[in-house]
């Protein structure tokens, strides 16, 4: 009889433990199934020069950063000054922008107003490239190695801490 009464208490304790573990997880650290796999193929027009096409193959042989942004994205506006400062201080790693589900004029005006940290910018009007990269929402940033394999994914805005503690050490390691 006593054991029968302990079952609900045991189940309750297990649920509390799972809840406590879940509350300590960072929702920005959603694991990406693409980390460790080749970056998806893409071929799309450049934002600034619609007649020029940018392809994944153009980046092979280089370590590069893909930063997904949009003019309508509030968090992108928070992240942007850090991206501009990083681009000025780090010339070793190409930073490619992916203008996601945006109007060409809006993306160009946004960069004109806030500064352009990008080596090049892919225009992804319908969002297919972003979907292929598994983008949950903007901003997101990917680090891609010389062989075209995704090595890191930052969900949400890059922070100075993430840049210092995760991204820059990884870039140094991949470029060594």
C-alpha atoms as a PDB file:
ATOM      1  CA  UNK A   1       0.000   0.000   0.000  1.00  0.00           C
ATOM      2  CA  UNK A   2       2.819   2.370   0.918  1.00  0.00           C
ATOM      3  CA  UNK A   3       4.660   1.676  -2.370  1.00  0.00           C
ATOM      4  CA  UNK A   4       1.493   2.548  -4.282  1.00  0.00           C
ATOM      5  CA  UNK A   5       1.489   6.010  -2.711  1.00  0.00           C
ATOM      6  CA  UNK A   6       5.168   6.590  -3.531  1.00  0.00           C
ATOM      7  CA  UNK A   7       4.685   6.229  -7.310  1.00  0.00           C
ATOM      8  CA  UNK A   8       3.045   9.649  -7.794  1.00  0.00           C
ATOM      9  CA  UNK A   9       5.729  11.263  -5.643  1.00  0.00           C
ATOM     10  CA  UNK A  10       8.474   9.573  -7.686  1.00  0.00           C
ATOM     11  CA  UNK A  11       6.924  10.704 -10.977  1.00  0.00           C
ATOM     12  CA  UNK A  12       6.575  14.230  -9.614  1.00  0.00           C
ATOM     13  CA  UNK A  13      10.263  14.315  -8.605  1.00  0.00           C
ATOM     14  CA  UNK A  14      11.364  13.099 -12.063  1.00  0.00           C
ATOM     15  CA  UNK A  15       9.259  15.812 -13.735  1.00  0.00           C
ATOM     16  CA  UNK A  16      10.739  18.490 -11.461  1.00  0.00           C
ATOM     17  CA  UNK A  17      14.272  17.333 -12.353  1.00  0.00           C
ATOM     18  CA  UNK A  18      13.509  17.498 -16.101  1.00  0.00           C
ATOM     19  CA  UNK A  19      11.957  20.940 -15.689  1.00  0.00           C
ATOM     20  CA  UNK A  20      14.997  22.209 -13.747  1.00  0.00           C
ATOM     21  CA  UNK A  21      17.354  20.926 -16.457  1.00  0.00           C
ATOM     22  CA  UNK A  22      15.208  22.486 -19.195  1.00  0.00           C
ATOM     23  CA  UNK A  23      15.133  25.864 -17.489  1.00  0.00           C
ATOM     24  CA  UNK A  24      18.936  25.988 -17.449  1.00  0.00           C
ATOM     25  CA  UNK A  25      19.254  25.452 -21.228  1.00  0.00           C
ATOM     26  CA  UNK A  26      19.907  28.430 -23.494  1.00  0.00           C
ATOM     27  CA  UNK A  27      17.294  28.545 -26.298  1.00  0.00           C
ATOM     28  CA  UNK A  28      19.879  30.241 -28.553  1.00  0.00           C
ATOM     29  CA  UNK A  29      22.002  27.114 -28.459  1.00  0.00           C
ATOM     30  CA  UNK A  30      19.742  24.967 -30.577  1.00  0.00           C
ATOM     31  CA  UNK A  31      22.027  22.382 -32.157  1.00  0.00           C
ATOM     32  CA  UNK A  32      22.121  22.546 -35.918  1.00  0.00           C
ATOM     33  CA  UNK A  33      22.062  19.274 -37.819  1.00  0.00           C
ATOM     34  CA  UNK A  34      24.211  20.957 -40.483  1.00  0.00           C
ATOM     35  CA  UNK A  35      27.254  21.574 -38.255  1.00  0.00           C
ATOM     36  CA  UNK A  36      29.940  19.188 -39.467  1.00  0.00           C
ATOM     37  CA  UNK A  37      28.256  18.767 -42.855  1.00  0.00           C
ATOM     38  CA  UNK A  38      28.908  20.505 -46.187  1.00  0.00           C
ATOM     39  CA  UNK A  39      27.247  23.892 -46.554  1.00  0.00           C
ATOM     40  CA  UNK A  40      24.318  23.752 -48.976  1.00  0.00           C
ATOM     41  CA  UNK A  41      25.000  24.665 -52.568  1.00  0.00           C
ATOM     42  CA  UNK A  42      23.713  28.063 -53.631  1.00  0.00           C
ATOM     43  CA  UNK A  43      23.822  30.322 -56.638  1.00  0.00           C
ATOM     44  CA  UNK A  44      22.141  33.712 -56.380  1.00  0.00           C
ATOM     45  CA  UNK A  45      22.524  37.295 -57.501  1.00  0.00           C
ATOM     46  CA  UNK A  46      24.635  39.755 -55.556  1.00  0.00           C
ATOM     47  CA  UNK A  47      22.645  42.371 -53.659  1.00  0.00           C
ATOM     48  CA  UNK A  48      24.577  45.330 -55.035  1.00  0.00           C
ATOM     49  CA  UNK A  49      25.102  43.959 -58.571  1.00  0.00           C
ATOM     50  CA  UNK A  50      22.032  41.962 -59.672  1.00  0.00           C
ATOM     51  CA  UNK A  51      23.763  40.758 -62.850  1.00  0.00           C
ATOM     52  CA  UNK A  52      26.586  39.070 -60.914  1.00  0.00           C
ATOM     53  CA  UNK A  53      26.012  35.618 -59.436  1.00  0.00           C
ATOM     54  CA  UNK A  54      27.584  34.424 -56.175  1.00  0.00           C
ATOM     55  CA  UNK A  55      28.085  30.698 -55.605  1.00  0.00           C
ATOM     56  CA  UNK A  56      29.274  28.536 -52.746  1.00  0.00           C
ATOM     57  CA  UNK A  57      32.074  27.324 -55.025  1.00  0.00           C
ATOM     58  CA  UNK A  58      33.458  30.890 -55.092  1.00  0.00           C
ATOM     59  CA  UNK A  59      34.344  30.494 -51.409  1.00  0.00           C
ATOM     60  CA  UNK A  60      35.996  27.067 -51.475  1.00  0.00           C
ATOM     61  CA  UNK A  61      39.593  27.179 -50.275  1.00  0.00           C
ATOM     62  CA  UNK A  62      38.829  29.964 -47.769  1.00  0.00           C
ATOM     63  CA  UNK A  63      37.484  30.027 -44.248  1.00  0.00           C
ATOM     64  CA  UNK A  64      34.507  32.366 -44.298  1.00  0.00           C
ATOM     65  CA  UNK A  65      31.628  33.681 -42.254  1.00  0.00           C
ATOM     66  CA  UNK A  66      28.050  33.792 -43.562  1.00  0.00           C
ATOM     67  CA  UNK A  67      25.911  36.342 -41.729  1.00  0.00           C
ATOM     68  CA  UNK A  68      22.167  36.171 -42.410  1.00  0.00           C
ATOM     69  CA  UNK A  69      20.478  39.567 -42.036  1.00  0.00           C
ATOM     70  CA  UNK A  70      17.484  41.613 -43.185  1.00  0.00           C
ATOM     71  CA  UNK A  71      16.556  45.282 -43.097  1.00  0.00           C
ATOM     72  CA  UNK A  72      13.313  44.447 -41.252  1.00  0.00           C
ATOM     73  CA  UNK A  73      15.146  42.562 -38.490  1.00  0.00           C
ATOM     74  CA  UNK A  74      15.404  44.417 -35.159  1.00  0.00           C
ATOM     75  CA  UNK A  75      18.042  42.039 -33.741  1.00  0.00           C
ATOM     76  CA  UNK A  76      20.132  42.525 -36.896  1.00  0.00           C
ATOM     77  CA  UNK A  77      20.234  46.244 -36.106  1.00  0.00           C
ATOM     78  CA  UNK A  78      21.607  45.391 -32.626  1.00  0.00           C
ATOM     79  CA  UNK A  79      24.271  43.104 -34.085  1.00  0.00           C
ATOM     80  CA  UNK A  80      25.270  45.316 -37.010  1.00  0.00           C
ATOM     81  CA  UNK A  81      27.675  47.733 -35.242  1.00  0.00           C
ATOM     82  CA  UNK A  82      29.671  44.741 -33.991  1.00  0.00           C
ATOM     83  CA  UNK A  83      29.783  43.283 -37.514  1.00  0.00           C
ATOM     84  CA  UNK A  84      30.996  46.616 -38.915  1.00  0.00           C
ATOM     85  CA  UNK A  85      33.708  46.896 -36.238  1.00  0.00           C
ATOM     86  CA  UNK A  86      34.755  43.277 -36.777  1.00  0.00           C
ATOM     87  CA  UNK A  87      35.033  43.754 -40.545  1.00  0.00           C
ATOM     88  CA  UNK A  88      37.311  46.775 -40.012  1.00  0.00           C
ATOM     89  CA  UNK A  89      39.667  44.927 -37.663  1.00  0.00           C
ATOM     90  CA  UNK A  90      39.688  41.501 -39.314  1.00  0.00           C
ATOM     91  CA  UNK A  91      40.691  41.399 -42.936  1.00  0.00           C
ATOM     92  CA  UNK A  92      41.658  37.720 -42.886  1.00  0.00           C
ATOM     93  CA  UNK A  93      38.179  36.195 -43.007  1.00  0.00           C
ATOM     94  CA  UNK A  94      35.668  37.103 -45.707  1.00  0.00           C
ATOM     95  CA  UNK A  95      32.307  38.020 -44.182  1.00  0.00           C
ATOM     96  CA  UNK A  96      29.556  37.209 -46.660  1.00  0.00           C
ATOM     97  CA  UNK A  97      26.122  38.652 -46.043  1.00  0.00           C
ATOM     98  CA  UNK A  98      22.935  36.797 -46.901  1.00  0.00           C
ATOM     99  CA  UNK A  99      20.164  39.349 -47.341  1.00  0.00           C
ATOM    100  CA  UNK A 100      17.217  37.172 -46.332  1.00  0.00           C
ATOM    101  CA  UNK A 101      13.628  37.667 -47.548  1.00  0.00           C
ATOM    102  CA  UNK A 102      14.169  41.356 -48.094  1.00  0.00           C
ATOM    103  CA  UNK A 103      13.499  43.850 -50.847  1.00  0.00           C
ATOM    104  CA  UNK A 104      16.659  44.727 -52.756  1.00  0.00           C
ATOM    105  CA  UNK A 105      16.137  48.480 -52.269  1.00  0.00           C
ATOM    106  CA  UNK A 106      15.540  48.069 -48.531  1.00  0.00           C
ATOM    107  CA  UNK A 107      18.673  45.965 -48.047  1.00  0.00           C
ATOM    108  CA  UNK A 108      20.819  48.432 -49.971  1.00  0.00           C
ATOM    109  CA  UNK A 109      19.378  51.430 -48.100  1.00  0.00           C
ATOM    110  CA  UNK A 110      19.912  49.710 -44.734  1.00  0.00           C
ATOM    111  CA  UNK A 111      23.579  49.031 -45.527  1.00  0.00           C
ATOM    112  CA  UNK A 112      24.033  52.546 -46.880  1.00  0.00           C
ATOM    113  CA  UNK A 113      22.665  53.997 -43.650  1.00  0.00           C
ATOM    114  CA  UNK A 114      24.370  51.643 -41.136  1.00  0.00           C
ATOM    115  CA  UNK A 115      27.563  50.653 -42.967  1.00  0.00           C
ATOM    116  CA  UNK A 116      28.516  47.637 -45.019  1.00  0.00           C
ATOM    117  CA  UNK A 117      30.696  45.092 -43.209  1.00  0.00           C
ATOM    118  CA  UNK A 118      30.415  42.461 -45.930  1.00  0.00           C
ATOM    119  CA  UNK A 119      32.986  41.278 -48.455  1.00  0.00           C
ATOM    120  CA  UNK A 120      30.053  40.307 -50.663  1.00  0.00           C
ATOM    121  CA  UNK A 121      26.284  40.001 -50.233  1.00  0.00           C
ATOM    122  CA  UNK A 122      24.020  37.268 -51.560  1.00  0.00           C
ATOM    123  CA  UNK A 123      20.450  38.373 -52.291  1.00  0.00           C
ATOM    124  CA  UNK A 124      17.971  35.710 -51.078  1.00  0.00           C
ATOM    125  CA  UNK A 125      14.603  37.213 -52.010  1.00  0.00           C
ATOM    126  CA  UNK A 126      12.481  34.091 -51.484  1.00  0.00           C
ATOM    127  CA  UNK A 127      14.490  32.719 -48.555  1.00  0.00           C
ATOM    128  CA  UNK A 128      15.393  29.400 -50.199  1.00  0.00           C
ATOM    129  CA  UNK A 129      19.096  29.684 -49.434  1.00  0.00           C
ATOM    130  CA  UNK A 130      18.327  30.503 -45.811  1.00  0.00           C
ATOM    131  CA  UNK A 131      15.945  27.553 -45.589  1.00  0.00           C
ATOM    132  CA  UNK A 132      18.615  25.245 -47.023  1.00  0.00           C
ATOM    133  CA  UNK A 133      21.000  26.492 -44.318  1.00  0.00           C
ATOM    134  CA  UNK A 134      18.363  25.734 -41.674  1.00  0.00           C
ATOM    135  CA  UNK A 135      17.835  29.366 -40.703  1.00  0.00           C
ATOM    136  CA  UNK A 136      15.311  29.632 -37.853  1.00  0.00           C
ATOM    137  CA  UNK A 137      15.251  33.424 -37.909  1.00  0.00           C
ATOM    138  CA  UNK A 138      17.576  36.313 -38.471  1.00  0.00           C
ATOM    139  CA  UNK A 139      20.264  37.062 -37.573  1.00  0.00           C
ATOM    140  CA  UNK A 140      22.188  33.824 -37.759  1.00  0.00           C
ATOM    141  CA  UNK A 141      25.856  33.360 -38.520  1.00  0.00           C
ATOM    142  CA  UNK A 142      27.745  30.365 -39.866  1.00  0.00           C
ATOM    143  CA  UNK A 143      31.474  29.659 -39.895  1.00  0.00           C
ATOM    144  CA  UNK A 144      32.445  27.581 -42.925  1.00  0.00           C
ATOM    145  CA  UNK A 145      35.850  25.973 -43.424  1.00  0.00           C
ATOM    146  CA  UNK A 146      38.067  25.778 -46.520  1.00  0.00           C
ATOM    147  CA  UNK A 147      36.393  22.568 -47.675  1.00  0.00           C
ATOM    148  CA  UNK A 148      32.930  24.172 -47.460  1.00  0.00           C
ATOM    149  CA  UNK A 149      31.901  22.404 -44.240  1.00  0.00           C
ATOM    150  CA  UNK A 150      29.837  24.272 -41.623  1.00  0.00           C
ATOM    151  CA  UNK A 151      31.831  24.326 -38.377  1.00  0.00           C
ATOM    152  CA  UNK A 152      29.706  26.633 -36.202  1.00  0.00           C
ATOM    153  CA  UNK A 153      26.272  28.231 -36.124  1.00  0.00           C
ATOM    154  CA  UNK A 154      25.359  31.268 -34.021  1.00  0.00           C
ATOM    155  CA  UNK A 155      21.625  31.674 -33.561  1.00  0.00           C
ATOM    156  CA  UNK A 156      20.630  35.250 -32.809  1.00  0.00           C
ATOM    157  CA  UNK A 157      22.858  38.303 -32.744  1.00  0.00           C
ATOM    158  CA  UNK A 158      26.581  37.905 -32.334  1.00  0.00           C
ATOM    159  CA  UNK A 159      27.666  39.322 -28.994  1.00  0.00           C
ATOM    160  CA  UNK A 160      31.158  40.549 -28.110  1.00  0.00           C
ATOM    161  CA  UNK A 161      31.489  37.489 -25.843  1.00  0.00           C
ATOM    162  CA  UNK A 162      30.489  35.034 -28.575  1.00  0.00           C
ATOM    163  CA  UNK A 163      32.884  36.716 -30.968  1.00  0.00           C
ATOM    164  CA  UNK A 164      35.763  36.660 -28.482  1.00  0.00           C
ATOM    165  CA  UNK A 165      35.147  33.269 -26.868  1.00  0.00           C
ATOM    166  CA  UNK A 166      33.790  31.124 -29.708  1.00  0.00           C
ATOM    167  CA  UNK A 167      34.051  32.639 -33.177  1.00  0.00           C
ATOM    168  CA  UNK A 168      37.531  34.166 -33.227  1.00  0.00           C
ATOM    169  CA  UNK A 169      39.264  31.121 -31.632  1.00  0.00           C
ATOM    170  CA  UNK A 170      37.519  28.852 -34.157  1.00  0.00           C
ATOM    171  CA  UNK A 171      38.541  31.090 -37.073  1.00  0.00           C
ATOM    172  CA  UNK A 172      42.179  31.079 -35.873  1.00  0.00           C
ATOM    173  CA  UNK A 173      42.090  27.289 -35.586  1.00  0.00           C
ATOM    174  CA  UNK A 174      40.573  26.813 -39.046  1.00  0.00           C
ATOM    175  CA  UNK A 175      43.061  29.208 -40.652  1.00  0.00           C
ATOM    176  CA  UNK A 176      46.100  27.616 -38.976  1.00  0.00           C
END
